[in-house]
N, C-alpha and C. Protein backbone atom coordinates (compact mmCIF):
# COMPACT_ATOMS: atom_id res chain seq x y z
N MET A 1 -35.65 1.55 27.85
CA MET A 1 -35.35 0.46 28.72
C MET A 1 -33.84 0.26 28.81
N ALA A 2 -33.14 1.33 28.92
CA ALA A 2 -31.69 1.23 29.05
C ALA A 2 -31.34 0.52 30.34
N GLY A 3 -30.42 -0.41 30.24
CA GLY A 3 -29.99 -1.14 31.42
C GLY A 3 -30.91 -2.29 31.79
N SER A 4 -31.93 -2.55 30.99
CA SER A 4 -32.86 -3.62 31.28
C SER A 4 -32.27 -4.95 30.83
N SER A 5 -32.55 -5.99 31.59
CA SER A 5 -32.10 -7.32 31.19
C SER A 5 -33.27 -8.16 30.70
N HIS A 6 -34.37 -7.50 30.35
CA HIS A 6 -35.57 -8.19 29.91
C HIS A 6 -35.30 -8.98 28.62
N GLY A 7 -35.47 -10.28 28.69
CA GLY A 7 -35.33 -11.12 27.51
C GLY A 7 -33.92 -11.56 27.19
N HIS A 8 -32.95 -11.19 28.00
CA HIS A 8 -31.56 -11.56 27.72
C HIS A 8 -31.16 -12.77 28.54
N THR A 9 -31.89 -13.87 28.36
CA THR A 9 -31.61 -15.10 29.09
C THR A 9 -31.59 -16.26 28.11
N PRO A 10 -30.95 -17.36 28.47
CA PRO A 10 -30.98 -18.53 27.58
C PRO A 10 -32.40 -19.02 27.29
N ALA A 11 -33.28 -18.96 28.28
CA ALA A 11 -34.66 -19.41 28.07
C ALA A 11 -35.36 -18.54 27.03
N ALA A 12 -35.19 -17.23 27.12
CA ALA A 12 -35.84 -16.33 26.17
C ALA A 12 -35.27 -16.51 24.76
N TRP A 13 -33.96 -16.57 24.65
CA TRP A 13 -33.35 -16.72 23.32
C TRP A 13 -33.75 -18.04 22.68
N THR A 14 -33.72 -19.12 23.43
CA THR A 14 -34.06 -20.42 22.87
C THR A 14 -35.52 -20.47 22.44
N GLY A 15 -36.41 -19.98 23.29
CA GLY A 15 -37.83 -19.97 22.95
C GLY A 15 -38.11 -19.14 21.72
N VAL A 16 -37.52 -17.97 21.62
CA VAL A 16 -37.77 -17.09 20.49
C VAL A 16 -37.20 -17.68 19.20
N ILE A 17 -36.04 -18.29 19.27
CA ILE A 17 -35.45 -18.89 18.06
C ILE A 17 -36.33 -20.03 17.55
N ILE A 18 -36.82 -20.88 18.45
CA ILE A 18 -37.68 -21.99 18.02
C ILE A 18 -38.98 -21.45 17.45
N VAL A 19 -39.58 -20.45 18.08
CA VAL A 19 -40.82 -19.86 17.58
C VAL A 19 -40.59 -19.21 16.22
N PHE A 20 -39.45 -18.55 16.04
CA PHE A 20 -39.15 -17.92 14.75
C PHE A 20 -39.03 -18.97 13.64
N ILE A 21 -38.38 -20.09 13.93
CA ILE A 21 -38.26 -21.16 12.94
C ILE A 21 -39.65 -21.70 12.60
N GLY A 22 -40.48 -21.91 13.60
CA GLY A 22 -41.85 -22.36 13.34
C GLY A 22 -42.64 -21.37 12.52
N PHE A 23 -42.47 -20.09 12.79
CA PHE A 23 -43.14 -19.05 12.02
C PHE A 23 -42.71 -19.09 10.56
N CYS A 24 -41.42 -19.27 10.32
CA CYS A 24 -40.91 -19.35 8.95
C CYS A 24 -41.44 -20.58 8.23
N VAL A 25 -41.47 -21.72 8.93
CA VAL A 25 -42.00 -22.96 8.34
C VAL A 25 -43.48 -22.79 8.00
N ALA A 26 -44.26 -22.30 8.95
CA ALA A 26 -45.70 -22.12 8.71
C ALA A 26 -45.95 -21.13 7.59
N GLY A 27 -45.18 -20.05 7.55
CA GLY A 27 -45.36 -19.06 6.48
C GLY A 27 -45.02 -19.62 5.11
N ALA A 28 -43.94 -20.37 5.03
CA ALA A 28 -43.54 -20.95 3.74
C ALA A 28 -44.59 -21.93 3.24
N PHE A 29 -45.07 -22.80 4.12
CA PHE A 29 -46.06 -23.77 3.70
C PHE A 29 -47.42 -23.13 3.43
N MET A 30 -47.72 -22.01 4.07
CA MET A 30 -48.96 -21.31 3.78
C MET A 30 -48.92 -20.77 2.35
N VAL A 31 -47.78 -20.22 1.96
CA VAL A 31 -47.63 -19.69 0.61
C VAL A 31 -47.71 -20.83 -0.41
N MET A 32 -47.19 -22.00 -0.05
CA MET A 32 -47.22 -23.16 -0.95
C MET A 32 -48.57 -23.88 -0.91
N ALA A 33 -49.51 -23.39 -0.12
CA ALA A 33 -50.85 -23.97 0.02
C ALA A 33 -50.79 -25.42 0.48
N ASN A 34 -49.93 -25.70 1.45
CA ASN A 34 -49.79 -27.04 2.01
C ASN A 34 -50.24 -26.97 3.46
N ALA A 35 -51.44 -27.48 3.72
CA ALA A 35 -52.03 -27.35 5.05
C ALA A 35 -51.26 -28.15 6.10
N ILE A 36 -50.78 -29.34 5.75
CA ILE A 36 -50.07 -30.16 6.73
C ILE A 36 -48.77 -29.47 7.16
N GLY A 37 -48.01 -28.95 6.21
CA GLY A 37 -46.78 -28.24 6.55
C GLY A 37 -47.05 -27.01 7.40
N PHE A 38 -48.16 -26.31 7.10
CA PHE A 38 -48.53 -25.14 7.89
C PHE A 38 -48.77 -25.54 9.34
N TRP A 39 -49.51 -26.62 9.56
CA TRP A 39 -49.82 -27.04 10.93
C TRP A 39 -48.61 -27.59 11.65
N VAL A 40 -47.67 -28.17 10.90
CA VAL A 40 -46.41 -28.58 11.51
C VAL A 40 -45.67 -27.35 12.02
N GLY A 41 -45.64 -26.29 11.22
CA GLY A 41 -45.02 -25.04 11.66
C GLY A 41 -45.70 -24.46 12.89
N MET A 42 -47.03 -24.55 12.94
CA MET A 42 -47.75 -24.07 14.11
C MET A 42 -47.41 -24.91 15.34
N ALA A 43 -47.23 -26.21 15.16
CA ALA A 43 -46.83 -27.07 16.28
C ALA A 43 -45.44 -26.70 16.78
N VAL A 44 -44.53 -26.36 15.85
CA VAL A 44 -43.18 -25.94 16.25
C VAL A 44 -43.27 -24.66 17.07
N ILE A 45 -44.16 -23.76 16.70
CA ILE A 45 -44.35 -22.53 17.48
C ILE A 45 -44.78 -22.86 18.91
N ALA A 46 -45.72 -23.78 19.05
CA ALA A 46 -46.18 -24.18 20.39
C ALA A 46 -45.04 -24.83 21.19
N VAL A 47 -44.23 -25.65 20.52
CA VAL A 47 -43.10 -26.29 21.19
C VAL A 47 -42.11 -25.24 21.68
N GLY A 48 -41.90 -24.19 20.88
CA GLY A 48 -41.00 -23.11 21.30
C GLY A 48 -41.46 -22.46 22.59
N GLY A 49 -42.75 -22.24 22.71
CA GLY A 49 -43.27 -21.67 23.95
C GLY A 49 -43.10 -22.60 25.13
N LEU A 50 -43.33 -23.88 24.90
CA LEU A 50 -43.16 -24.86 25.97
C LEU A 50 -41.69 -24.99 26.39
N VAL A 51 -40.79 -25.01 25.43
CA VAL A 51 -39.36 -25.12 25.73
C VAL A 51 -38.89 -23.90 26.53
N GLY A 52 -39.27 -22.70 26.08
CA GLY A 52 -38.89 -21.49 26.80
C GLY A 52 -39.42 -21.49 28.22
N GLY A 53 -40.67 -21.91 28.39
CA GLY A 53 -41.26 -21.97 29.73
C GLY A 53 -40.59 -23.01 30.61
N ALA A 54 -40.26 -24.16 30.04
CA ALA A 54 -39.58 -25.20 30.81
C ALA A 54 -38.19 -24.75 31.22
N MET A 55 -37.49 -24.06 30.32
CA MET A 55 -36.16 -23.56 30.66
C MET A 55 -36.23 -22.50 31.76
N ARG A 56 -37.28 -21.67 31.72
CA ARG A 56 -37.45 -20.66 32.76
C ARG A 56 -37.67 -21.34 34.11
N LEU A 57 -38.50 -22.38 34.11
CA LEU A 57 -38.75 -23.11 35.36
C LEU A 57 -37.50 -23.83 35.85
N ALA A 58 -36.61 -24.18 34.92
CA ALA A 58 -35.36 -24.85 35.29
C ALA A 58 -34.31 -23.87 35.79
N GLY A 59 -34.65 -22.59 35.84
CA GLY A 59 -33.73 -21.59 36.38
C GLY A 59 -32.90 -20.86 35.35
N MET A 60 -33.22 -21.02 34.07
CA MET A 60 -32.45 -20.34 33.04
C MET A 60 -33.12 -19.06 32.54
N GLY A 61 -34.17 -18.64 33.21
CA GLY A 61 -34.86 -17.41 32.84
C GLY A 61 -34.45 -16.26 33.75
N GLN A 62 -35.15 -15.15 33.56
CA GLN A 62 -34.84 -13.97 34.36
C GLN A 62 -35.31 -14.17 35.79
N ARG A 63 -34.50 -13.80 36.73
CA ARG A 63 -34.85 -13.93 38.14
C ARG A 63 -35.81 -12.81 38.53
N ARG A 64 -36.74 -13.14 39.40
CA ARG A 64 -37.68 -12.13 39.89
C ARG A 64 -36.99 -11.28 40.94
N PRO A 65 -37.26 -9.97 40.94
CA PRO A 65 -36.64 -9.11 41.94
C PRO A 65 -37.14 -9.46 43.35
N GLN A 66 -36.23 -9.42 44.30
CA GLN A 66 -36.59 -9.70 45.69
C GLN A 66 -37.26 -8.47 46.30
N GLN A 67 -38.35 -8.69 47.01
CA GLN A 67 -39.04 -7.58 47.66
C GLN A 67 -38.53 -7.46 49.10
N PRO A 68 -38.35 -6.23 49.57
CA PRO A 68 -37.91 -6.04 50.95
C PRO A 68 -38.93 -6.61 51.93
N ALA A 69 -38.45 -7.09 53.07
CA ALA A 69 -39.32 -7.65 54.08
C ALA A 69 -40.31 -6.59 54.55
N GLY A 70 -41.55 -6.99 54.71
CA GLY A 70 -42.57 -6.08 55.20
C GLY A 70 -43.32 -5.32 54.11
N SER A 71 -42.89 -5.41 52.87
CA SER A 71 -43.61 -4.71 51.81
C SER A 71 -44.58 -5.68 51.15
N GLU A 72 -45.80 -5.31 51.11
CA GLU A 72 -46.85 -6.13 50.52
C GLU A 72 -47.35 -5.44 49.28
N SER A 73 -47.58 -6.23 48.20
CA SER A 73 -48.16 -5.63 46.99
C SER A 73 -49.25 -6.45 46.42
């Protein structure tokens, strides 16, 4: 994928960082056998997906390629 810009946007970076933090929180609390902390980490993971999606809708995600007029897919 040389030359690809897939995932190199503020929306992608922010979403992935939040999801990674949630994954670390959930993993740590799972090892400590703390169910509430685990579910808090899972909620952070869901928030990361929502934040990334909202940022994409706000125009901070990757732009879709324009199709030439007359081409249907």
